[in-house]
Amino acid sequence: MDFGTMRAKVHEDMYTSLQQFKRDVLLLCFNAMNAYPETSRHHKVAEDIGCHAVNVFEDLNVQHEILNLDSSSNKEHQSKKSHGRQKSASPKFMGT
């Protein structure tokens, strides 16, 4: 895997899930780390990108889970409201 291939896949809408994109990012890093010695700059950069990517994907998973929980609790709350007093729900964004 390489950045050029990933760019082409993005432009051609070949990624249908975040998991597919995540797999390619991590594969790119894995391949670069195996292709170059540990002392090389390329290996170190690939390792750094891989570490940052893992953190970003973990954050995305946590935010997705929180949003799903928030969405399900809003649905439960909405279903318990009486029909005469419905409020419009405003979106809640993480960190704002």
N, C-alpha and C. Protein backbone atom coordinates (compact mmCIF):
# COMPACT_ATOMS: atom_id res chain seq x y z
N MET A 1 0.85 -1.17 0.00
CA MET A 1 0.00 0.00 0.00
C MET A 1 0.90 1.23 0.00
N ASP A 2 0.43 2.28 -0.69
CA ASP A 2 1.17 3.53 -0.74
C ASP A 2 0.17 4.69 -0.80
N PHE A 3 0.67 5.91 -0.58
CA PHE A 3 -0.21 7.07 -0.56
C PHE A 3 -0.88 7.31 -1.91
N GLY A 4 -0.18 7.03 -3.00
CA GLY A 4 -0.76 7.20 -4.32
C GLY A 4 -1.98 6.31 -4.54
N THR A 5 -1.85 5.07 -4.12
CA THR A 5 -2.97 4.13 -4.24
C THR A 5 -4.13 4.58 -3.37
N MET A 6 -3.82 5.03 -2.15
CA MET A 6 -4.88 5.49 -1.25
C MET A 6 -5.57 6.73 -1.83
N ARG A 7 -4.79 7.64 -2.39
CA ARG A 7 -5.38 8.84 -3.00
C ARG A 7 -6.33 8.46 -4.13
N ALA A 8 -5.89 7.52 -4.97
CA ALA A 8 -6.75 7.07 -6.09
C ALA A 8 -8.03 6.43 -5.55
N LYS A 9 -7.91 5.64 -4.49
CA LYS A 9 -9.09 5.00 -3.92
C LYS A 9 -10.06 6.04 -3.34
N VAL A 10 -9.52 7.11 -2.77
CA VAL A 10 -10.38 8.18 -2.24
C VAL A 10 -11.10 8.87 -3.39
N HIS A 11 -10.34 9.25 -4.42
CA HIS A 11 -10.94 9.96 -5.56
C HIS A 11 -11.95 9.12 -6.32
N GLU A 12 -11.77 7.82 -6.31
CA GLU A 12 -12.69 6.92 -7.02
C GLU A 12 -13.78 6.36 -6.10
N ASP A 13 -13.89 6.92 -4.89
CA ASP A 13 -14.90 6.48 -3.91
C ASP A 13 -14.88 4.98 -3.66
N MET A 14 -13.68 4.44 -3.57
CA MET A 14 -13.56 2.99 -3.35
C MET A 14 -13.64 2.60 -1.88
N TYR A 15 -13.45 3.56 -0.99
CA TYR A 15 -13.61 3.26 0.43
C TYR A 15 -15.08 3.38 0.78
N THR A 16 -15.66 2.28 1.21
CA THR A 16 -17.07 2.30 1.59
C THR A 16 -17.26 2.28 3.10
N SER A 17 -16.14 2.19 3.82
CA SER A 17 -16.22 2.24 5.28
C SER A 17 -14.91 2.80 5.84
N LEU A 18 -15.01 3.30 7.04
CA LEU A 18 -13.83 3.79 7.73
C LEU A 18 -12.86 2.65 7.99
N GLN A 19 -13.38 1.46 8.22
CA GLN A 19 -12.52 0.29 8.47
C GLN A 19 -11.61 0.00 7.28
N GLN A 20 -12.12 0.14 6.07
CA GLN A 20 -11.30 -0.09 4.88
C GLN A 20 -10.17 0.93 4.80
N PHE A 21 -10.49 2.19 5.08
CA PHE A 21 -9.48 3.24 5.06
C PHE A 21 -8.45 3.00 6.16
N LYS A 22 -8.92 2.67 7.35
CA LYS A 22 -8.03 2.39 8.48
C LYS A 22 -7.08 1.25 8.15
N ARG A 23 -7.59 0.21 7.53
CA ARG A 23 -6.76 -0.94 7.16
C ARG A 23 -5.63 -0.50 6.23
N ASP A 24 -5.95 0.32 5.25
CA ASP A 24 -4.92 0.76 4.30
C ASP A 24 -3.89 1.68 4.95
N VAL A 25 -4.33 2.57 5.84
CA VAL A 25 -3.39 3.44 6.54
C VAL A 25 -2.40 2.60 7.35
N LEU A 26 -2.94 1.66 8.10
CA LEU A 26 -2.06 0.83 8.94
C LEU A 26 -1.19 -0.10 8.09
N LEU A 27 -1.72 -0.59 6.99
CA LEU A 27 -0.93 -1.41 6.08
C LEU A 27 0.22 -0.61 5.46
N LEU A 28 -0.05 0.62 5.08
CA LEU A 28 0.98 1.49 4.54
C LEU A 28 2.12 1.65 5.55
N CYS A 29 1.78 1.92 6.79
CA CYS A 29 2.80 2.08 7.84
C CYS A 29 3.56 0.79 8.09
N PHE A 30 2.84 -0.31 8.17
CA PHE A 30 3.46 -1.62 8.39
C PHE A 30 4.45 -1.93 7.27
N ASN A 31 4.03 -1.71 6.03
CA ASN A 31 4.91 -2.00 4.88
C ASN A 31 6.16 -1.14 4.91
N ALA A 32 6.00 0.14 5.21
CA ALA A 32 7.16 1.04 5.25
C ALA A 32 8.11 0.65 6.38
N MET A 33 7.57 0.28 7.51
CA MET A 33 8.42 -0.11 8.64
C MET A 33 9.17 -1.40 8.35
N ASN A 34 8.56 -2.28 7.55
CA ASN A 34 9.24 -3.53 7.19
C ASN A 34 10.23 -3.34 6.04
N ALA A 35 10.02 -2.32 5.23
CA ALA A 35 10.88 -2.10 4.07
C ALA A 35 12.18 -1.37 4.43
N TYR A 36 12.16 -0.61 5.50
CA TYR A 36 13.32 0.20 5.86
C TYR A 36 13.85 -0.20 7.23
N PRO A 37 15.15 -0.07 7.44
CA PRO A 37 15.72 -0.40 8.76
C PRO A 37 15.19 0.55 9.84
N GLU A 38 15.20 0.06 11.07
CA GLU A 38 14.67 0.85 12.19
C GLU A 38 15.37 2.19 12.37
N THR A 39 16.60 2.27 11.94
CA THR A 39 17.37 3.51 12.09
C THR A 39 17.09 4.53 10.99
N SER A 40 16.37 4.13 9.95
CA SER A 40 16.12 5.04 8.84
C SER A 40 15.02 6.04 9.17
N ARG A 41 15.08 7.18 8.51
CA ARG A 41 14.07 8.21 8.70
C ARG A 41 12.70 7.72 8.24
N HIS A 42 12.67 6.96 7.14
CA HIS A 42 11.40 6.45 6.60
C HIS A 42 10.70 5.54 7.61
N HIS A 43 11.46 4.69 8.25
CA HIS A 43 10.89 3.79 9.26
C HIS A 43 10.30 4.61 10.41
N LYS A 44 11.06 5.59 10.88
CA LYS A 44 10.61 6.39 12.02
C LYS A 44 9.36 7.20 11.67
N VAL A 45 9.31 7.75 10.47
CA VAL A 45 8.13 8.51 10.05
C VAL A 45 6.92 7.58 9.95
N ALA A 46 7.11 6.41 9.38
CA ALA A 46 6.01 5.44 9.27
C ALA A 46 5.51 5.03 10.65
N GLU A 47 6.43 4.86 11.57
CA GLU A 47 6.05 4.50 12.93
C GLU A 47 5.25 5.63 13.59
N ASP A 48 5.71 6.87 13.39
CA ASP A 48 4.99 8.02 13.94
C ASP A 48 3.59 8.15 13.33
N ILE A 49 3.50 8.01 12.01
CA ILE A 49 2.19 8.09 11.36
C ILE A 49 1.27 6.99 11.88
N GLY A 50 1.81 5.78 12.02
CA GLY A 50 1.02 4.67 12.53
C GLY A 50 0.49 4.93 13.93
N CYS A 51 1.35 5.47 14.80
CA CYS A 51 0.93 5.77 16.18
C CYS A 51 -0.15 6.84 16.20
N HIS A 52 0.05 7.89 15.41
CA HIS A 52 -0.96 8.96 15.35
C HIS A 52 -2.26 8.44 14.75
N ALA A 53 -2.15 7.61 13.73
CA ALA A 53 -3.35 7.06 13.08
C ALA A 53 -4.15 6.21 14.06
N VAL A 54 -3.48 5.38 14.82
CA VAL A 54 -4.18 4.54 15.81
C VAL A 54 -4.93 5.43 16.79
N ASN A 55 -4.29 6.50 17.26
CA ASN A 55 -4.95 7.40 18.20
C ASN A 55 -6.16 8.08 17.57
N VAL A 56 -6.02 8.53 16.33
CA VAL A 56 -7.13 9.18 15.65
C VAL A 56 -8.29 8.21 15.46
N PHE A 57 -8.00 6.99 15.02
CA PHE A 57 -9.07 6.02 14.80
C PHE A 57 -9.73 5.62 16.11
N GLU A 58 -8.97 5.53 17.20
CA GLU A 58 -9.57 5.25 18.51
C GLU A 58 -10.49 6.39 18.93
N ASP A 59 -10.05 7.64 18.72
CA ASP A 59 -10.90 8.79 19.05
C ASP A 59 -12.18 8.78 18.22
N LEU A 60 -12.06 8.45 16.94
CA LEU A 60 -13.25 8.38 16.09
C LEU A 60 -14.22 7.31 16.57
N ASN A 61 -13.70 6.17 17.00
CA ASN A 61 -14.56 5.10 17.51
C ASN A 61 -15.28 5.54 18.78
N VAL A 62 -14.56 6.21 19.68
CA VAL A 62 -15.16 6.67 20.93
C VAL A 62 -16.23 7.70 20.64
N GLN A 63 -15.94 8.66 19.75
CA GLN A 63 -16.93 9.68 19.41
C GLN A 63 -18.16 9.05 18.77
N HIS A 64 -17.94 8.06 17.92
CA HIS A 64 -19.06 7.37 17.26
C HIS A 64 -19.94 6.68 18.30
N GLU A 65 -19.30 6.00 19.27
CA GLU A 65 -20.06 5.32 20.31
C GLU A 65 -20.85 6.32 21.15
N ILE A 66 -20.22 7.44 21.49
CA ILE A 66 -20.90 8.46 22.29
C ILE A 66 -22.08 9.03 21.52
N LEU A 67 -21.87 9.32 20.24
CA LEU A 67 -22.96 9.85 19.43
C LEU A 67 -24.10 8.84 19.31
N ASN A 68 -23.77 7.57 19.18
CA ASN A 68 -24.82 6.55 19.12
C ASN A 68 -25.58 6.48 20.43
N LEU A 69 -24.87 6.56 21.55
CA LEU A 69 -25.54 6.54 22.85
C LEU A 69 -26.42 7.77 23.00
N ASP A 70 -25.90 8.93 22.61
CA ASP A 70 -26.67 10.16 22.71
C ASP A 70 -27.90 10.09 21.82
N SER A 71 -27.74 9.54 20.63
CA SER A 71 -28.86 9.41 19.70
C SER A 71 -29.92 8.48 20.25
N SER A 72 -29.52 7.35 20.83
CA SER A 72 -30.51 6.41 21.36
C SER A 72 -31.20 6.98 22.59
N SER A 73 -30.48 7.73 23.41
CA SER A 73 -31.14 8.33 24.58
C SER A 73 -32.09 9.43 24.16
N ASN A 74 -31.76 10.17 23.09
CA ASN A 74 -32.67 11.19 22.57
C ASN A 74 -33.94 10.54 22.02
N LYS A 75 -33.79 9.41 21.33
CA LYS A 75 -34.96 8.72 20.79
C LYS A 75 -35.87 8.24 21.91
N GLU A 76 -35.27 7.69 22.98
CA GLU A 76 -36.07 7.23 24.11
C GLU A 76 -36.78 8.41 24.77
N HIS A 77 -36.05 9.51 24.91
CA HIS A 77 -36.63 10.70 25.53
C HIS A 77 -37.77 11.24 24.67
N GLN A 78 -37.57 11.27 23.36
CA GLN A 78 -38.60 11.76 22.46
C GLN A 78 -39.85 10.88 22.51
N SER A 79 -39.66 9.57 22.60
CA SER A 79 -40.82 8.67 22.62
C SER A 79 -41.62 8.80 23.91
N LYS A 80 -40.99 9.26 24.99
CA LYS A 80 -41.68 9.42 26.26
C LYS A 80 -42.41 10.75 26.37
N LYS A 81 -42.10 11.71 25.49
CA LYS A 81 -42.75 13.01 25.53
C LYS A 81 -44.21 12.88 25.10
N SER A 82 -45.02 13.74 25.65
CA SER A 82 -46.41 13.76 25.17
C SER A 82 -46.45 14.41 23.81
N HIS A 83 -47.44 14.08 23.01
CA HIS A 83 -47.53 14.59 21.65
C HIS A 83 -47.74 16.09 21.62
N GLY A 84 -48.32 16.68 22.63
CA GLY A 84 -48.63 18.10 22.63
C GLY A 84 -47.46 19.01 22.93
N ARG A 85 -46.36 18.51 23.54
CA ARG A 85 -45.28 19.38 23.94
C ARG A 85 -43.95 18.93 23.37
N GLN A 86 -43.84 18.76 22.12
CA GLN A 86 -42.57 18.34 21.54
C GLN A 86 -41.69 19.54 21.29
N LYS A 87 -40.42 19.41 21.69
CA LYS A 87 -39.42 20.44 21.45
C LYS A 87 -38.57 20.00 20.27
N SER A 88 -38.01 20.99 19.56
CA SER A 88 -37.07 20.61 18.51
C SER A 88 -35.73 20.30 19.16
N ALA A 89 -35.16 19.20 18.77
CA ALA A 89 -33.88 18.77 19.34
C ALA A 89 -32.75 19.48 18.61
N SER A 90 -31.82 20.08 19.37
CA SER A 90 -30.66 20.70 18.75
C SER A 90 -29.49 19.72 18.82
N PRO A 91 -28.66 19.69 17.77
CA PRO A 91 -27.55 18.74 17.76
C PRO A 91 -26.53 19.09 18.82
N LYS A 92 -25.92 18.07 19.39
CA LYS A 92 -24.85 18.24 20.37
C LYS A 92 -23.55 17.79 19.71
N PHE A 93 -22.56 18.64 19.77
CA PHE A 93 -21.28 18.31 19.18
C PHE A 93 -20.24 18.12 20.27
N MET A 94 -19.37 17.15 20.05
CA MET A 94 -18.32 16.87 21.01
C MET A 94 -17.36 18.05 21.10
N GLY A 95 -17.01 18.43 22.31
CA GLY A 95 -15.98 19.43 22.53
C GLY A 95 -16.37 20.86 22.26
N THR A 96 -17.63 21.16 22.00
CA THR A 96 -18.02 22.56 21.78
C THR A 96 -19.00 23.01 22.81
